[in-house]
C-alpha atoms as a PDB file:
ATOM      1  CA  MET A   1       0.000   0.000   0.000  1.00  0.00           C
ATOM      2  CA  THR A   2       1.253   3.450  -0.929  1.00  0.00           C
ATOM      3  CA  SER A   3      -0.280   6.863  -1.232  1.00  0.00           C
ATOM      4  CA  PRO A   4      -1.822   7.717  -4.661  1.00  0.00           C
ATOM      5  CA  GLY A   5       0.561   7.547  -7.607  1.00  0.00           C
ATOM      6  CA  ALA A   6       1.698   3.922  -7.991  1.00  0.00           C
ATOM      7  CA  PRO A   7       4.739   3.524 -10.279  1.00  0.00           C
ATOM      8  CA  ASP A   8       4.204   2.402 -13.862  1.00  0.00           C
ATOM      9  CA  ALA A   9       5.408  -0.893 -15.274  1.00  0.00           C
ATOM     10  CA  ALA A  10       8.649   0.570 -16.649  1.00  0.00           C
ATOM     11  CA  LEU A  11       9.690   1.984 -13.287  1.00  0.00           C
ATOM     12  CA  LEU A  12       8.720  -1.230 -11.498  1.00  0.00           C
ATOM     13  CA  GLU A  13      10.980  -3.092 -13.912  1.00  0.00           C
ATOM     14  CA  ALA A  14      13.815  -0.627 -13.285  1.00  0.00           C
ATOM     15  CA  GLY A  15      13.505  -1.318  -9.566  1.00  0.00           C
ATOM     16  CA  ARG A  16      13.443  -5.070 -10.115  1.00  0.00           C
ATOM     17  CA  LYS A  17      16.562  -4.973 -12.295  1.00  0.00           C
ATOM     18  CA  LEU A  18      18.412  -2.747  -9.848  1.00  0.00           C
ATOM     19  CA  PHE A  19      17.823  -5.084  -6.916  1.00  0.00           C
ATOM     20  CA  ALA A  20      18.524  -8.194  -8.966  1.00  0.00           C
ATOM     21  CA  LYS A  21      22.184  -7.152  -8.789  1.00  0.00           C
ATOM     22  CA  PRO A  22      24.415  -8.883  -6.219  1.00  0.00           C
ATOM     23  CA  CYS A  23      24.568  -7.146  -2.861  1.00  0.00           C
ATOM     24  CA  ARG A  24      27.309  -7.526  -0.259  1.00  0.00           C
ATOM     25  CA  PHE A  25      28.436  -6.033   3.037  1.00  0.00           C
ATOM     26  CA  GLU A  26      31.050  -3.354   2.372  1.00  0.00           C
ATOM     27  CA  ARG A  27      32.072  -1.833   5.707  1.00  0.00           C
ATOM     28  CA  ALA A  28      30.955  -0.664   9.159  1.00  0.00           C
ATOM     29  CA  VAL A  29      31.791   2.920  10.075  1.00  0.00           C
ATOM     30  CA  ALA A  30      31.980   4.276  13.624  1.00  0.00           C
ATOM     31  CA  ALA A  31      33.338   7.761  12.799  1.00  0.00           C
ATOM     32  CA  VAL A  32      32.876  10.167   9.900  1.00  0.00           C
ATOM     33  CA  ASP A  33      36.623  10.103   9.238  1.00  0.00           C
ATOM     34  CA  ASP A  34      36.239   6.428   8.310  1.00  0.00           C
ATOM     35  CA  LEU A  35      33.510   6.945   5.686  1.00  0.00           C
ATOM     36  CA  PRO A  36      34.313   5.351   2.326  1.00  0.00           C
ATOM     37  CA  PRO A  37      35.399   7.713  -0.454  1.00  0.00           C
ATOM     38  CA  PRO A  38      32.476   9.160  -2.423  1.00  0.00           C
ATOM     39  CA  GLY A  39      31.400   6.752  -5.126  1.00  0.00           C
ATOM     40  CA  PRO A  40      28.019   5.553  -6.343  1.00  0.00           C
ATOM     41  CA  PRO A  41      24.756   7.093  -5.090  1.00  0.00           C
ATOM     42  CA  GLU A  42      23.762   6.184  -1.536  1.00  0.00           C
ATOM     43  CA  ILE A  43      20.337   5.436  -0.069  1.00  0.00           C
ATOM     44  CA  ALA A  44      20.210   5.652   3.732  1.00  0.00           C
ATOM     45  CA  PHE A  45      17.755   3.862   6.015  1.00  0.00           C
ATOM     46  CA  ALA A  46      16.901   5.796   9.194  1.00  0.00           C
ATOM     47  CA  GLY A  47      14.378   5.140  11.954  1.00  0.00           C
ATOM     48  CA  ARG A  48      13.704   4.263  15.552  1.00  0.00           C
ATOM     49  CA  SER A  49      15.352   1.230  17.077  1.00  0.00           C
ATOM     50  CA  ASN A  50      13.618  -2.011  16.062  1.00  0.00           C
ATOM     51  CA  VAL A  51      11.555  -0.306  13.357  1.00  0.00           C
ATOM     52  CA  GLY A  52      12.712  -2.928  10.863  1.00  0.00           C
ATOM     53  CA  LYS A  53      15.550  -1.316   8.880  1.00  0.00           C
ATOM     54  CA  SER A  54      17.607  -4.494   8.592  1.00  0.00           C
ATOM     55  CA  SER A  55      14.556  -6.610   7.733  1.00  0.00           C
ATOM     56  CA  LEU A  56      13.536  -4.197   4.979  1.00  0.00           C
ATOM     57  CA  ILE A  57      17.047  -4.137   3.509  1.00  0.00           C
ATOM     58  CA  ASN A  58      16.957  -7.944   3.408  1.00  0.00           C
ATOM     59  CA  ALA A  59      13.524  -7.887   1.726  1.00  0.00           C
ATOM     60  CA  LEU A  60      14.591  -5.338  -0.886  1.00  0.00           C
ATOM     61  CA  THR A  61      17.713  -7.298  -1.807  1.00  0.00           C
ATOM     62  CA  GLY A  62      16.080 -10.719  -1.568  1.00  0.00           C
ATOM     63  CA  ARG A  63      18.622 -11.824   1.017  1.00  0.00           C
ATOM     64  CA  ARG A  64      17.566 -13.359   4.324  1.00  0.00           C
ATOM     65  CA  ALA A  65      20.571 -12.352   6.395  1.00  0.00           C
ATOM     66  CA  LEU A  66      22.449  -9.643   4.513  1.00  0.00           C
ATOM     67  CA  ALA A  67      21.643  -7.109   7.217  1.00  0.00           C
ATOM     68  CA  ARG A  68      21.583  -8.522  10.720  1.00  0.00           C
ATOM     69  CA  ALA A  69      18.384  -7.817  12.612  1.00  0.00           C
ATOM     70  CA  SER A  70      18.594  -7.721  16.397  1.00  0.00           C
ATOM     71  CA  HIS A  71      15.857  -8.347  18.964  1.00  0.00           C
ATOM     72  CA  ALA A  72      17.604  -5.914  21.321  1.00  0.00           C
ATOM     73  CA  PRO A  73      16.810  -2.293  20.391  1.00  0.00           C
ATOM     74  CA  GLY A  74      19.780  -0.032  19.750  1.00  0.00           C
ATOM     75  CA  ARG A  75      22.370  -2.702  19.021  1.00  0.00           C
ATOM     76  CA  THR A  76      23.391  -1.201  15.664  1.00  0.00           C
ATOM     77  CA  GLN A  77      25.611   1.761  16.557  1.00  0.00           C
ATOM     78  CA  GLN A  78      27.557   2.123  13.315  1.00  0.00           C
ATOM     79  CA  LEU A  79      26.824   3.111   9.754  1.00  0.00           C
ATOM     80  CA  ILE A  80      26.637  -0.162   7.825  1.00  0.00           C
ATOM     81  CA  PHE A  81      27.417   0.119   4.104  1.00  0.00           C
ATOM     82  CA  PHE A  82      26.229  -2.437   1.552  1.00  0.00           C
ATOM     83  CA  ASP A  83      27.373  -2.468  -2.071  1.00  0.00           C
ATOM     84  CA  LEU A  84      24.624  -3.180  -4.620  1.00  0.00           C
ATOM     85  CA  GLY A  85      26.310  -4.349  -7.803  1.00  0.00           C
ATOM     86  CA  GLY A  86      28.830  -1.515  -7.719  1.00  0.00           C
ATOM     87  CA  VAL A  87      26.139   1.000  -8.759  1.00  0.00           C
ATOM     88  CA  LEU A  88      24.461   1.851  -5.458  1.00  0.00           C
ATOM     89  CA  ARG A  89      25.216   1.829  -1.743  1.00  0.00           C
ATOM     90  CA  LEU A  90      22.593   1.025   0.897  1.00  0.00           C
ATOM     91  CA  VAL A  91      23.411   2.500   4.303  1.00  0.00           C
ATOM     92  CA  ASP A  92      21.846   1.205   7.529  1.00  0.00           C
ATOM     93  CA  THR A  93      22.065   3.951  10.175  1.00  0.00           C
ATOM     94  CA  PRO A  94      21.909   3.520  13.982  1.00  0.00           C
ATOM     95  CA  GLY A  95      18.401   3.377  15.380  1.00  0.00           C
ATOM     96  CA  TYR A  96      17.209   6.227  17.575  1.00  0.00           C
ATOM     97  CA  GLY A  97      14.603   6.624  20.315  1.00  0.00           C
ATOM     98  CA  PHE A  98      15.810   3.757  22.521  1.00  0.00           C
ATOM     99  CA  ALA A  99      19.082   1.993  22.982  1.00  0.00           C
ATOM    100  CA  ALA A 100      20.265  -0.841  25.199  1.00  0.00           C
ATOM    101  CA  ILE A 101      23.617   0.935  25.576  1.00  0.00           C
ATOM    102  CA  GLY A 102      25.167   3.712  27.648  1.00  0.00           C
ATOM    103  CA  LYS A 103      24.189   7.363  27.208  1.00  0.00           C
ATOM    104  CA  ALA A 104      27.611   8.361  25.910  1.00  0.00           C
ATOM    105  CA  GLN A 105      27.605   5.713  23.190  1.00  0.00           C
ATOM    106  CA  ALA A 106      24.026   6.552  22.251  1.00  0.00           C
ATOM    107  CA  ALA A 107      24.950  10.236  21.943  1.00  0.00           C
ATOM    108  CA  ALA A 108      27.955   9.346  19.789  1.00  0.00           C
ATOM    109  CA  SER A 109      25.831   7.274  17.406  1.00  0.00           C
ATOM    110  CA  ARG A 110      23.266  10.103  17.116  1.00  0.00           C
ATOM    111  CA  GLU A 111      26.017  12.552  16.238  1.00  0.00           C
ATOM    112  CA  LEU A 112      27.473  10.120  13.688  1.00  0.00           C
ATOM    113  CA  THR A 113      24.067   9.793  12.025  1.00  0.00           C
ATOM    114  CA  ARG A 114      23.492  13.557  12.085  1.00  0.00           C
ATOM    115  CA  GLU A 115      26.867  14.306  10.478  1.00  0.00           C
ATOM    116  CA  TYR A 116      26.390  11.641   7.818  1.00  0.00           C
ATOM    117  CA  LEU A 117      22.848  12.653   6.863  1.00  0.00           C
ATOM    118  CA  GLY A 118      23.658  16.340   6.886  1.00  0.00           C
ATOM    119  CA  GLY A 119      26.818  16.383   4.822  1.00  0.00           C
ATOM    120  CA  ARG A 120      27.325  13.307   2.650  1.00  0.00           C
ATOM    121  CA  SER A 121      27.607  14.303  -1.014  1.00  0.00           C
ATOM    122  CA  PRO A 122      26.632  10.933  -2.625  1.00  0.00           C
ATOM    123  CA  LEU A 123      23.481  10.677  -0.472  1.00  0.00           C
ATOM    124  CA  SER A 124      20.543  10.594  -2.901  1.00  0.00           C
ATOM    125  CA  CYS A 125      17.668   9.901  -0.553  1.00  0.00           C
ATOM    126  CA  VAL A 126      16.900   8.952   3.043  1.00  0.00           C
ATOM    127  CA  LEU A 127      14.209   6.386   3.725  1.00  0.00           C
ATOM    128  CA  LEU A 128      12.702   7.330   7.083  1.00  0.00           C
ATOM    129  CA  LEU A 129      11.174   4.163   8.486  1.00  0.00           C
ATOM    130  CA  VAL A 130       8.227   4.515  10.870  1.00  0.00           C
ATOM    131  CA  ASP A 131       6.494   1.661  12.693  1.00  0.00           C
ATOM    132  CA  GLY A 132       3.125   1.334  10.971  1.00  0.00           C
ATOM    133  CA  ARG A 133       1.496   0.081  14.170  1.00  0.00           C
ATOM    134  CA  HIS A 134       2.172   3.340  16.009  1.00  0.00           C
ATOM    135  CA  GLY A 135       2.738   6.102  13.456  1.00  0.00           C
ATOM    136  CA  LEU A 136       5.014   9.098  13.905  1.00  0.00           C
ATOM    137  CA  LYS A 137       6.667   9.567  17.291  1.00  0.00           C
ATOM    138  CA  ASP A 138       8.350  12.732  18.582  1.00  0.00           C
ATOM    139  CA  SER A 139      11.758  11.306  17.686  1.00  0.00           C
ATOM    140  CA  ASP A 140      10.583  10.715  14.099  1.00  0.00           C
ATOM    141  CA  ARG A 141       9.411  14.319  13.860  1.00  0.00           C
ATOM    142  CA  GLU A 142      12.787  15.455  15.173  1.00  0.00           C
ATOM    143  CA  MET A 143      14.489  13.453  12.422  1.00  0.00           C
ATOM    144  CA  MET A 144      12.175  15.011   9.816  1.00  0.00           C
ATOM    145  CA  ALA A 145      13.132  18.465  11.068  1.00  0.00           C
ATOM    146  CA  LEU A 146      16.842  17.565  10.872  1.00  0.00           C
ATOM    147  CA  LEU A 147      16.453  16.329   7.289  1.00  0.00           C
ATOM    148  CA  ASP A 148      14.480  19.435   6.324  1.00  0.00           C
ATOM    149  CA  GLN A 149      17.216  21.608   7.791  1.00  0.00           C
ATOM    150  CA  ALA A 150      19.897  19.670   5.908  1.00  0.00           C
ATOM    151  CA  ALA A 151      17.809  19.776   2.699  1.00  0.00           C
ATOM    152  CA  ALA A 152      18.265  15.998   2.477  1.00  0.00           C
ATOM    153  CA  PRO A 153      15.480  14.421   0.366  1.00  0.00           C
ATOM    154  CA  TYR A 154      13.580  11.748   2.269  1.00  0.00           C
ATOM    155  CA  ALA A 155      10.571   9.478   1.962  1.00  0.00           C
ATOM    156  CA  VAL A 156       8.558   8.133   4.875  1.00  0.00           C
ATOM    157  CA  VAL A 157       8.249   4.340   4.810  1.00  0.00           C
ATOM    158  CA  LEU A 158       5.757   2.721   7.155  1.00  0.00           C
ATOM    159  CA  THR A 159       6.763  -0.783   8.233  1.00  0.00           C
ATOM    160  CA  LYS A 160       5.069  -3.899   9.627  1.00  0.00           C
ATOM    161  CA  ARG A 161       1.991  -3.639   7.404  1.00  0.00           C
ATOM    162  CA  ASP A 162       1.223  -7.294   8.117  1.00  0.00           C
ATOM    163  CA  ALA A 163       0.719  -6.501  11.812  1.00  0.00           C
ATOM    164  CA  ILE A 164      -2.338  -4.229  11.452  1.00  0.00           C
ATOM    165  CA  ARG A 165      -5.787  -4.421   9.874  1.00  0.00           C
ATOM    166  CA  GLU A 166      -6.723  -2.806   6.568  1.00  0.00           C
ATOM    167  CA  THR A 167      -8.886  -0.054   8.083  1.00  0.00           C
ATOM    168  CA  GLU A 168      -6.214   0.845  10.620  1.00  0.00           C
ATOM    169  CA  ALA A 169      -3.547   0.866   7.889  1.00  0.00           C
ATOM    170  CA  ALA A 170      -5.632   3.300   5.817  1.00  0.00           C
ATOM    171  CA  ARG A 171      -6.008   5.656   8.785  1.00  0.00           C
ATOM    172  CA  ARG A 172      -2.305   5.470   9.580  1.00  0.00           C
ATOM    173  CA  LEU A 173      -1.387   6.225   5.981  1.00  0.00           C
ATOM    174  CA  GLU A 174      -3.729   9.216   5.863  1.00  0.00           C
ATOM    175  CA  SER A 175      -2.401  10.654   9.114  1.00  0.00           C
ATOM    176  CA  VAL A 176       1.217  10.431   7.957  1.00  0.00           C
ATOM    177  CA  LEU A 177       0.397  11.983   4.590  1.00  0.00           C
ATOM    178  CA  LEU A 178      -1.135  14.934   6.444  1.00  0.00           C
ATOM    179  CA  ALA A 179       1.887  15.157   8.763  1.00  0.00           C
ATOM    180  CA  ILE A 180       4.454  15.457   5.968  1.00  0.00           C
ATOM    181  CA  ARG A 181       2.722  18.411   4.346  1.00  0.00           C
ATOM    182  CA  GLY A 182       4.888  21.465   4.755  1.00  0.00           C
ATOM    183  CA  HIS A 183       8.081  19.444   5.107  1.00  0.00           C
ATOM    184  CA  HIS A 184       9.972  20.725   2.093  1.00  0.00           C
ATOM    185  CA  ALA A 185      12.491  17.851   1.919  1.00  0.00           C
ATOM    186  CA  ALA A 186       9.849  15.115   2.180  1.00  0.00           C
ATOM    187  CA  TYR A 187       8.708  13.075  -0.804  1.00  0.00           C
ATOM    188  CA  PRO A 188       4.923  13.615  -1.143  1.00  0.00           C
ATOM    189  CA  GLU A 189       4.074   9.912  -1.181  1.00  0.00           C
ATOM    190  CA  VAL A 190       4.277   7.442   1.703  1.00  0.00           C
ATOM    191  CA  PHE A 191       5.127   3.767   1.310  1.00  0.00           C
ATOM    192  CA  PHE A 192       3.533   1.093   3.502  1.00  0.00           C
ATOM    193  CA  THR A 193       5.641  -2.062   3.547  1.00  0.00           C
ATOM    194  CA  SER A 194       5.871  -5.503   5.043  1.00  0.00           C
ATOM    195  CA  ALA A 195       9.285  -7.146   5.066  1.00  0.00           C
ATOM    196  CA  ARG A 196       7.569 -10.385   6.031  1.00  0.00           C
ATOM    197  CA  GLY A 197       4.797 -10.408   3.417  1.00  0.00           C
ATOM    198  CA  GLY A 198       6.473  -8.346   0.718  1.00  0.00           C
ATOM    199  CA  GLU A 199       3.768  -5.706   0.438  1.00  0.00           C
ATOM    200  CA  GLY A 200       5.079  -2.398  -0.889  1.00  0.00           C
ATOM    201  CA  VAL A 201       8.586  -3.755  -1.520  1.00  0.00           C
ATOM    202  CA  ALA A 202       8.378  -3.580  -5.333  1.00  0.00           C
ATOM    203  CA  GLU A 203       7.087   0.002  -5.164  1.00  0.00           C
ATOM    204  CA  LEU A 204       9.893   0.992  -2.819  1.00  0.00           C
ATOM    205  CA  ARG A 205      12.472  -0.577  -5.126  1.00  0.00           C
ATOM    206  CA  SER A 206      11.055   1.589  -7.902  1.00  0.00           C
ATOM    207  CA  HIS A 207      11.342   4.738  -5.812  1.00  0.00           C
ATOM    208  CA  ILE A 208      14.964   3.908  -4.974  1.00  0.00           C
ATOM    209  CA  ALA A 209      15.684   3.332  -8.670  1.00  0.00           C
ATOM    210  CA  LEU A 210      14.151   6.715  -9.488  1.00  0.00           C
ATOM    211  CA  MET A 211      15.958   8.627  -6.738  1.00  0.00           C
ATOM    212  CA  SER A 212      19.317   6.993  -7.469  1.00  0.00           C
ATOM    213  CA  GLY A 213      19.188   7.566 -11.222  1.00  0.00           C
ATOM    214  CA  ALA A 214      18.163   4.127 -12.551  1.00  0.00           C
ATOM    215  CA  ARG A 215      15.278   5.529 -14.568  1.00  0.00           C
ATOM    216  CA  PRO A 216      13.331   3.557 -17.180  1.00  0.00           C
ATOM    217  CA  GLY A 217      15.242   3.297 -20.426  1.00  0.00           C
ATOM    218  CA  GLY A 218      18.502   4.308 -18.794  1.00  0.00           C
ATOM    219  CA  ARG A 219      21.367   2.746 -16.908  1.00  0.00           C
ATOM    220  CA  LEU A 220      22.750   3.580 -13.491  1.00  0.00           C
END
């Protein structure tokens, strides 16, 4: 389920071809000085701890354990780079909002994320993941404000579609669409996905292909 404006067949195919490429772990980064040299476009995944970033990366790439999901919120405290066929990087950022770690380490990971999202030249788009069962939290709104300030394009992606009923999903989608109005860096559509059931994954692949330059009829 997405907001109005489903991608056409050509863009869906561009997304499919992009994510049919081999994907591998590239590196884990704990400090901005250790970021890889600028290269292909980058798509970053941001969101609260346990929102499902790793699960969605696995669903997009068709790999069960490419990104390691943890049952303990806040375990990922580094920027995790994945290479998609040499033409795109996927970047899993540390979760925010809760962390099973010390305050100093949590603060360091927040600063790492802020510096990366606010100043990385190859960054094409941020996918801001929001738990579809609960909708936007204060910490999500704070991240939206940060991305607006940095003029970093982002799209809101609701997760865990399989965990709520159809009527509730429609209300959640409508409320988020209303919330992103006036956010100048936000993509006007919202994606509702299920890493478990696959709903919305093809549409999200298409959006990534569009934002990263893999447009229909072209090559990345």
